[in-house]
Amino acid sequence: MLGLYLFVRLVGPLLLGGLVALFASRWINARLAKRPAQQIALPAESLLDSPAAKRRYRRMRRRRPNLTHFQVPPQAPRHWLWITVAVVILAAFGAAVLTPEGARFQVMVESAVGYPSTVIDVAIDEGQQDALLQAWTPVLMQAVRPVSMRYQRGRYGPPFDSHAVIAVQVRRHGNRLQIATGQPVQAERLRAALATLTPAAAPTVQISERTVAPWREIGWRAWGPRVAQ
């Protein structure tokens, strides 16, 4: 994961800058195609300096005696080019600034691809779900997975430690509540820990192991004390 992150951190801004430059060049070419070609009058032979240029001039006049002007494709104004360069630099700089830290990048990738988790499936009335989550908070907060990544931001800079957390995910379907832990937990131990915190009217709890991808599966929301508030 560290190699992938360093590759994205290096190539991402360059790729975005290249794409912006490509679209900008196409836009400029499309605008120039709508402009008429420039008509430039032929200079007199006496204004040419070198003998070779005069010979080419006389040869052209013999081939096309009625030619008085020649056409030059329209040129892009210089300020267009400067604006394009500025936009490309800003796009690359913005991509570098907005690239997440290493640990956060790993959380994003695993949320999209999937990670092993223990899923708790509870049948409980919708109005009692928040109270149940609050009662299970001490156990659920131990089921998050801390993520850390150590790397150098610059060539000569000191090592940088990045930290993030794969949080507990919650999905609600009416009277069905699903809770996905951030890391696999032994099913029987988790069931026993939840039983000690479950209210008197214990709901039906099913625990299974599977891969969870919150960004690809509909309905998952990160849950925790700060999120619940």
C-alpha atoms as a PDB file:
ATOM      1  CA  MET A   1       0.000   0.000   0.000  1.00  0.00           C
ATOM      2  CA  LEU A   2       2.908   2.355   0.717  1.00  0.00           C
ATOM      3  CA  GLY A   3       4.278   1.899  -2.805  1.00  0.00           C
ATOM      4  CA  LEU A   4       0.858   2.549  -4.340  1.00  0.00           C
ATOM      5  CA  TYR A   5       0.425   5.701  -2.274  1.00  0.00           C
ATOM      6  CA  LEU A   6       3.847   7.105  -3.190  1.00  0.00           C
ATOM      7  CA  PHE A   7       3.145   6.341  -6.858  1.00  0.00           C
ATOM      8  CA  VAL A   8      -0.222   8.140  -6.730  1.00  0.00           C
ATOM      9  CA  ARG A   9       1.285  11.047  -4.801  1.00  0.00           C
ATOM     10  CA  LEU A  10       3.960  11.477  -7.480  1.00  0.00           C
ATOM     11  CA  VAL A  11       2.069  10.651 -10.670  1.00  0.00           C
ATOM     12  CA  GLY A  12      -1.368  12.038  -9.741  1.00  0.00           C
ATOM     13  CA  PRO A  13      -0.485  15.768  -9.979  1.00  0.00           C
ATOM     14  CA  LEU A  14       1.543  15.194 -13.148  1.00  0.00           C
ATOM     15  CA  LEU A  15      -1.289  13.242 -14.759  1.00  0.00           C
ATOM     16  CA  LEU A  16      -3.871  15.878 -13.861  1.00  0.00           C
ATOM     17  CA  GLY A  17      -1.604  18.636 -15.184  1.00  0.00           C
ATOM     18  CA  GLY A  18      -1.143  16.722 -18.429  1.00  0.00           C
ATOM     19  CA  LEU A  19      -4.901  16.226 -18.851  1.00  0.00           C
ATOM     20  CA  VAL A  20      -5.550  19.914 -18.225  1.00  0.00           C
ATOM     21  CA  ALA A  21      -2.876  20.828 -20.778  1.00  0.00           C
ATOM     22  CA  LEU A  22      -4.426  18.412 -23.310  1.00  0.00           C
ATOM     23  CA  PHE A  23      -7.927  19.857 -22.927  1.00  0.00           C
ATOM     24  CA  ALA A  24      -6.562  23.400 -22.993  1.00  0.00           C
ATOM     25  CA  SER A  25      -4.669  22.748 -26.244  1.00  0.00           C
ATOM     26  CA  ARG A  26      -7.792  21.256 -27.829  1.00  0.00           C
ATOM     27  CA  TRP A  27      -9.824  24.278 -26.758  1.00  0.00           C
ATOM     28  CA  ILE A  28      -7.230  26.650 -28.227  1.00  0.00           C
ATOM     29  CA  ASN A  29      -7.083  24.707 -31.492  1.00  0.00           C
ATOM     30  CA  ALA A  30     -10.885  24.734 -31.739  1.00  0.00           C
ATOM     31  CA  ARG A  31     -10.940  28.504 -31.252  1.00  0.00           C
ATOM     32  CA  LEU A  32      -8.157  29.030 -33.790  1.00  0.00           C
ATOM     33  CA  ALA A  33      -9.983  26.882 -36.356  1.00  0.00           C
ATOM     34  CA  LYS A  34     -12.819  29.428 -36.350  1.00  0.00           C
ATOM     35  CA  ARG A  35     -10.481  32.318 -37.099  1.00  0.00           C
ATOM     36  CA  PRO A  36      -9.622  33.268 -40.708  1.00  0.00           C
ATOM     37  CA  ALA A  37      -6.085  32.732 -41.981  1.00  0.00           C
ATOM     38  CA  GLN A  38      -3.823  35.758 -42.054  1.00  0.00           C
ATOM     39  CA  GLN A  39      -3.175  37.311 -45.477  1.00  0.00           C
ATOM     40  CA  ILE A  40       0.408  38.531 -45.849  1.00  0.00           C
ATOM     41  CA  ALA A  41       1.575  40.387 -48.937  1.00  0.00           C
ATOM     42  CA  LEU A  42       4.594  39.032 -50.780  1.00  0.00           C
ATOM     43  CA  PRO A  43       7.693  41.164 -50.202  1.00  0.00           C
ATOM     44  CA  ALA A  44       9.630  42.691 -53.036  1.00  0.00           C
ATOM     45  CA  GLU A  45      12.644  40.732 -54.284  1.00  0.00           C
ATOM     46  CA  SER A  46      14.956  43.592 -53.376  1.00  0.00           C
ATOM     47  CA  LEU A  47      14.036  43.188 -49.687  1.00  0.00           C
ATOM     48  CA  LEU A  48      15.432  39.667 -49.577  1.00  0.00           C
ATOM     49  CA  ASP A  49      18.974  39.419 -48.215  1.00  0.00           C
ATOM     50  CA  SER A  50      20.442  36.096 -49.279  1.00  0.00           C
ATOM     51  CA  PRO A  51      20.910  34.971 -52.888  1.00  0.00           C
ATOM     52  CA  ALA A  52      19.271  31.629 -52.030  1.00  0.00           C
ATOM     53  CA  ALA A  53      16.113  33.404 -50.849  1.00  0.00           C
ATOM     54  CA  LYS A  54      16.036  35.443 -54.057  1.00  0.00           C
ATOM     55  CA  ARG A  55      16.375  32.287 -56.166  1.00  0.00           C
ATOM     56  CA  ARG A  56      13.482  30.653 -54.290  1.00  0.00           C
ATOM     57  CA  TYR A  57      11.451  33.836 -54.714  1.00  0.00           C
ATOM     58  CA  ARG A  58      12.003  33.953 -58.493  1.00  0.00           C
ATOM     59  CA  ARG A  59      11.219  30.232 -58.796  1.00  0.00           C
ATOM     60  CA  MET A  60       7.941  30.738 -56.920  1.00  0.00           C
ATOM     61  CA  ARG A  61       7.009  33.724 -59.086  1.00  0.00           C
ATOM     62  CA  ARG A  62       7.575  31.681 -62.249  1.00  0.00           C
ATOM     63  CA  ARG A  63       5.361  28.876 -60.960  1.00  0.00           C
ATOM     64  CA  ARG A  64       2.620  31.154 -59.611  1.00  0.00           C
ATOM     65  CA  PRO A  65       2.851  34.512 -61.424  1.00  0.00           C
ATOM     66  CA  ASN A  66      -0.510  35.760 -60.118  1.00  0.00           C
ATOM     67  CA  LEU A  67       0.319  35.137 -56.448  1.00  0.00           C
ATOM     68  CA  THR A  68       0.353  38.405 -54.495  1.00  0.00           C
ATOM     69  CA  HIS A  69      -0.395  37.177 -50.979  1.00  0.00           C
ATOM     70  CA  PHE A  70       0.175  34.027 -48.992  1.00  0.00           C
ATOM     71  CA  GLN A  71      -1.813  32.685 -46.077  1.00  0.00           C
ATOM     72  CA  VAL A  72      -0.491  31.991 -42.592  1.00  0.00           C
ATOM     73  CA  PRO A  73      -2.482  29.914 -40.076  1.00  0.00           C
ATOM     74  CA  PRO A  74      -3.829  32.038 -37.226  1.00  0.00           C
ATOM     75  CA  GLN A  75      -1.593  32.199 -34.166  1.00  0.00           C
ATOM     76  CA  ALA A  76      -2.833  31.916 -30.613  1.00  0.00           C
ATOM     77  CA  PRO A  77      -2.516  35.141 -28.640  1.00  0.00           C
ATOM     78  CA  ARG A  78       0.353  35.043 -26.203  1.00  0.00           C
ATOM     79  CA  HIS A  79      -1.892  35.660 -23.198  1.00  0.00           C
ATOM     80  CA  TRP A  80      -3.789  32.451 -24.048  1.00  0.00           C
ATOM     81  CA  LEU A  81      -0.561  30.502 -23.642  1.00  0.00           C
ATOM     82  CA  TRP A  82       0.287  32.193 -20.356  1.00  0.00           C
ATOM     83  CA  ILE A  83      -3.207  31.475 -19.019  1.00  0.00           C
ATOM     84  CA  THR A  84      -2.871  27.819 -20.075  1.00  0.00           C
ATOM     85  CA  VAL A  85       0.483  27.480 -18.304  1.00  0.00           C
ATOM     86  CA  ALA A  86      -0.952  29.072 -15.150  1.00  0.00           C
ATOM     87  CA  VAL A  87      -3.984  26.760 -15.164  1.00  0.00           C
ATOM     88  CA  VAL A  88      -1.799  23.660 -15.632  1.00  0.00           C
ATOM     89  CA  ILE A  89       0.476  24.681 -12.751  1.00  0.00           C
ATOM     90  CA  LEU A  90      -2.492  25.428 -10.490  1.00  0.00           C
ATOM     91  CA  ALA A  91      -4.115  22.083 -11.343  1.00  0.00           C
ATOM     92  CA  ALA A  92      -0.942  20.145 -10.541  1.00  0.00           C
ATOM     93  CA  PHE A  93      -0.385  22.128  -7.341  1.00  0.00           C
ATOM     94  CA  GLY A  94      -4.003  21.667  -6.278  1.00  0.00           C
ATOM     95  CA  ALA A  95      -3.806  17.915  -6.873  1.00  0.00           C
ATOM     96  CA  ALA A  96      -0.650  17.723  -4.763  1.00  0.00           C
ATOM     97  CA  VAL A  97      -2.251  19.698  -1.925  1.00  0.00           C
ATOM     98  CA  LEU A  98      -5.521  17.725  -2.002  1.00  0.00           C
ATOM     99  CA  THR A  99      -3.827  14.318  -2.061  1.00  0.00           C
ATOM    100  CA  PRO A 100      -4.737  12.742   1.296  1.00  0.00           C
ATOM    101  CA  GLU A 101      -2.172  11.576   3.795  1.00  0.00           C
ATOM    102  CA  GLY A 102      -0.960   8.002   3.513  1.00  0.00           C
ATOM    103  CA  ALA A 103      -3.133   6.438   6.208  1.00  0.00           C
ATOM    104  CA  ARG A 104      -6.235   8.236   4.984  1.00  0.00           C
ATOM    105  CA  PHE A 105      -5.436   7.084   1.436  1.00  0.00           C
ATOM    106  CA  GLN A 106      -5.285   3.475   2.662  1.00  0.00           C
ATOM    107  CA  VAL A 107      -8.660   3.857   4.378  1.00  0.00           C
ATOM    108  CA  MET A 108     -10.161   5.235   1.159  1.00  0.00           C
ATOM    109  CA  VAL A 109      -8.743   2.400  -0.952  1.00  0.00           C
ATOM    110  CA  GLU A 110      -9.917  -0.308   1.442  1.00  0.00           C
ATOM    111  CA  SER A 111     -13.350   1.311   1.703  1.00  0.00           C
ATOM    112  CA  ALA A 112     -13.663   1.079  -2.072  1.00  0.00           C
ATOM    113  CA  VAL A 113     -12.064  -2.350  -2.594  1.00  0.00           C
ATOM    114  CA  GLY A 114     -13.232  -4.012   0.623  1.00  0.00           C
ATOM    115  CA  TYR A 115     -11.717  -5.272   3.851  1.00  0.00           C
ATOM    116  CA  PRO A 116     -12.396  -8.271   6.140  1.00  0.00           C
ATOM    117  CA  SER A 117     -14.976  -7.510   8.803  1.00  0.00           C
ATOM    118  CA  THR A 118     -17.323  -9.081  11.318  1.00  0.00           C
ATOM    119  CA  VAL A 119     -20.928  -8.154  10.553  1.00  0.00           C
ATOM    120  CA  ILE A 120     -23.499  -8.062  13.352  1.00  0.00           C
ATOM    121  CA  ASP A 121     -27.065  -8.459  12.114  1.00  0.00           C
ATOM    122  CA  VAL A 122     -29.725  -7.413  14.632  1.00  0.00           C
ATOM    123  CA  ALA A 123     -33.530  -7.588  14.362  1.00  0.00           C
ATOM    124  CA  ILE A 124     -34.797  -4.682  16.468  1.00  0.00           C
ATOM    125  CA  ASP A 125     -37.403  -1.936  16.211  1.00  0.00           C
ATOM    126  CA  GLU A 126     -36.176   1.122  14.370  1.00  0.00           C
ATOM    127  CA  GLY A 127     -36.866   3.373  17.365  1.00  0.00           C
ATOM    128  CA  GLN A 128     -34.623   1.274  19.640  1.00  0.00           C
ATOM    129  CA  GLN A 129     -31.621   1.067  17.338  1.00  0.00           C
ATOM    130  CA  ASP A 130     -29.875   4.219  18.571  1.00  0.00           C
ATOM    131  CA  ALA A 131     -30.251   3.138  22.200  1.00  0.00           C
ATOM    132  CA  LEU A 132     -28.780  -0.267  21.361  1.00  0.00           C
ATOM    133  CA  LEU A 133     -25.820   1.313  19.594  1.00  0.00           C
ATOM    134  CA  GLN A 134     -25.178   3.551  22.593  1.00  0.00           C
ATOM    135  CA  ALA A 135     -25.284   0.521  24.914  1.00  0.00           C
ATOM    136  CA  TRP A 136     -22.819  -1.364  22.691  1.00  0.00           C
ATOM    137  CA  THR A 137     -20.438   1.593  22.279  1.00  0.00           C
ATOM    138  CA  PRO A 138     -17.686   0.284  24.644  1.00  0.00           C
ATOM    139  CA  VAL A 139     -17.411  -2.934  22.632  1.00  0.00           C
ATOM    140  CA  LEU A 140     -17.849  -1.415  19.181  1.00  0.00           C
ATOM    141  CA  MET A 141     -15.161   1.224  19.747  1.00  0.00           C
ATOM    142  CA  GLN A 142     -12.685  -1.579  20.370  1.00  0.00           C
ATOM    143  CA  ALA A 143     -13.567  -3.087  16.992  1.00  0.00           C
ATOM    144  CA  VAL A 144     -12.203  -0.174  14.933  1.00  0.00           C
ATOM    145  CA  ARG A 145      -8.913  -0.722  13.096  1.00  0.00           C
ATOM    146  CA  PRO A 146      -6.171   1.885  13.443  1.00  0.00           C
ATOM    147  CA  VAL A 147      -4.115   2.452  10.295  1.00  0.00           C
ATOM    148  CA  SER A 148      -0.662   4.016  10.222  1.00  0.00           C
ATOM    149  CA  MET A 149       1.831   4.706   7.451  1.00  0.00           C
ATOM    150  CA  ARG A 150       5.383   6.011   7.715  1.00  0.00           C
ATOM    151  CA  TYR A 151       7.053   7.716   4.767  1.00  0.00           C
ATOM    152  CA  GLN A 152       9.092  10.744   3.746  1.00  0.00           C
ATOM    153  CA  ARG A 153       7.293  13.747   2.307  1.00  0.00           C
ATOM    154  CA  GLY A 154      10.417  15.151   0.700  1.00  0.00           C
ATOM    155  CA  ARG A 155      13.710  13.758  -0.481  1.00  0.00           C
ATOM    156  CA  TYR A 156      15.643  15.039   2.516  1.00  0.00           C
ATOM    157  CA  GLY A 157      12.814  15.538   5.005  1.00  0.00           C
ATOM    158  CA  PRO A 158      12.361  13.528   8.191  1.00  0.00           C
ATOM    159  CA  PRO A 159      10.015  10.496   8.221  1.00  0.00           C
ATOM    160  CA  PHE A 160       6.361  11.399   8.605  1.00  0.00           C
ATOM    161  CA  ASP A 161       3.848   9.275  10.492  1.00  0.00           C
ATOM    162  CA  SER A 162       0.271   9.321   9.222  1.00  0.00           C
ATOM    163  CA  HIS A 163      -2.593   7.862  11.248  1.00  0.00           C
ATOM    164  CA  ALA A 164      -6.244   7.112  10.500  1.00  0.00           C
ATOM    165  CA  VAL A 165      -8.963   4.708  11.597  1.00  0.00           C
ATOM    166  CA  ILE A 166     -11.251   2.314   9.746  1.00  0.00           C
ATOM    167  CA  ALA A 167     -14.426   3.011  11.679  1.00  0.00           C
ATOM    168  CA  VAL A 168     -17.384   0.836  12.535  1.00  0.00           C
ATOM    169  CA  GLN A 169     -20.020   0.987   9.794  1.00  0.00           C
ATOM    170  CA  VAL A 170     -23.779   0.906  10.370  1.00  0.00           C
ATOM    171  CA  ARG A 171     -26.534   0.119   7.871  1.00  0.00           C
ATOM    172  CA  ARG A 172     -30.264   0.310   8.625  1.00  0.00           C
ATOM    173  CA  HIS A 173     -33.087  -1.465   6.793  1.00  0.00           C
ATOM    174  CA  GLY A 174     -36.245  -0.708   8.753  1.00  0.00           C
ATOM    175  CA  ASN A 175     -36.259  -3.097  11.715  1.00  0.00           C
ATOM    176  CA  ARG A 176     -32.973  -4.640  10.627  1.00  0.00           C
ATOM    177  CA  LEU A 177     -29.691  -3.158  11.894  1.00  0.00           C
ATOM    178  CA  GLN A 178     -26.321  -4.190  10.495  1.00  0.00           C
ATOM    179  CA  ILE A 179     -23.023  -3.309  12.139  1.00  0.00           C
ATOM    180  CA  ALA A 180     -19.677  -3.960  10.424  1.00  0.00           C
ATOM    181  CA  THR A 181     -16.525  -3.832  12.528  1.00  0.00           C
ATOM    182  CA  GLY A 182     -13.324  -2.272  11.230  1.00  0.00           C
ATOM    183  CA  GLN A 183     -11.417  -5.518  11.731  1.00  0.00           C
ATOM    184  CA  PRO A 184     -12.345  -9.187  12.172  1.00  0.00           C
ATOM    185  CA  VAL A 185     -13.386 -10.131  15.714  1.00  0.00           C
ATOM    186  CA  GLN A 186     -13.800 -13.633  17.111  1.00  0.00           C
ATOM    187  CA  ALA A 187     -17.535 -14.295  16.876  1.00  0.00           C
ATOM    188  CA  GLU A 188     -18.127 -16.000  20.222  1.00  0.00           C
ATOM    189  CA  ARG A 189     -16.079 -13.492  22.158  1.00  0.00           C
ATOM    190  CA  LEU A 190     -17.916 -10.620  20.455  1.00  0.00           C
ATOM    191  CA  ARG A 191     -21.290 -12.233  21.158  1.00  0.00           C
ATOM    192  CA  ALA A 192     -20.400 -12.642  24.853  1.00  0.00           C
ATOM    193  CA  ALA A 193     -19.188  -9.042  25.144  1.00  0.00           C
ATOM    194  CA  LEU A 194     -22.348  -7.677  23.514  1.00  0.00           C
ATOM    195  CA  ALA A 195     -24.548  -9.853  25.726  1.00  0.00           C
ATOM    196  CA  THR A 196     -23.192  -8.185  28.853  1.00  0.00           C
ATOM    197  CA  LEU A 197     -24.247  -4.772  27.504  1.00  0.00           C
ATOM    198  CA  THR A 198     -27.533  -5.763  25.876  1.00  0.00           C
ATOM    199  CA  PRO A 199     -30.726  -4.458  27.536  1.00  0.00           C
ATOM    200  CA  ALA A 200     -33.091  -6.869  29.271  1.00  0.00           C
ATOM    201  CA  ALA A 201     -35.141  -7.494  26.101  1.00  0.00           C
ATOM    202  CA  ALA A 202     -32.253  -9.041  24.191  1.00  0.00           C
ATOM    203  CA  PRO A 203     -32.715  -8.824  20.396  1.00  0.00           C
ATOM    204  CA  THR A 204     -31.832 -11.610  17.998  1.00  0.00           C
ATOM    205  CA  VAL A 205     -28.173 -11.254  17.033  1.00  0.00           C
ATOM    206  CA  GLN A 206     -26.472 -12.998  14.109  1.00  0.00           C
ATOM    207  CA  ILE A 207     -22.712 -12.660  13.560  1.00  0.00           C
ATOM    208  CA  SER A 208     -20.917 -13.513  10.331  1.00  0.00           C
ATOM    209  CA  GLU A 209     -17.531 -12.906   8.700  1.00  0.00           C
ATOM    210  CA  ARG A 210     -17.388 -11.279   5.284  1.00  0.00           C
ATOM    211  CA  THR A 211     -15.737  -8.565   3.205  1.00  0.00           C
ATOM    212  CA  VAL A 212     -17.287  -5.111   3.524  1.00  0.00           C
ATOM    213  CA  ALA A 213     -16.815  -2.268   1.008  1.00  0.00           C
ATOM    214  CA  PRO A 214     -18.712   0.771   2.357  1.00  0.00           C
ATOM    215  CA  TRP A 215     -18.056   2.880  -0.743  1.00  0.00           C
ATOM    216  CA  ARG A 216     -19.410   0.217  -3.099  1.00  0.00           C
ATOM    217  CA  GLU A 217     -22.280  -1.105  -1.000  1.00  0.00           C
ATOM    218  CA  ILE A 218     -25.324   1.091  -0.486  1.00  0.00           C
ATOM    219  CA  GLY A 219     -26.400   2.186   2.970  1.00  0.00           C
ATOM    220  CA  TRP A 220     -23.230   1.963   5.059  1.00  0.00           C
ATOM    221  CA  ARG A 221     -22.463   4.961   7.278  1.00  0.00           C
ATOM    222  CA  ALA A 222     -19.474   5.432   9.562  1.00  0.00           C
ATOM    223  CA  TRP A 223     -20.528   5.309  13.181  1.00  0.00           C
ATOM    224  CA  GLY A 224     -18.934   6.417  16.439  1.00  0.00           C
ATOM    225  CA  PRO A 225     -19.548   8.793  19.354  1.00  0.00           C
ATOM    226  CA  ARG A 226     -18.572  11.844  17.278  1.00  0.00           C
ATOM    227  CA  VAL A 227     -20.537  10.692  14.237  1.00  0.00           C
ATOM    228  CA  ALA A 228     -23.618   9.854  16.308  1.00  0.00           C
ATOM    229  CA  GLN A 229     -23.684  13.326  17.786  1.00  0.00           C
END
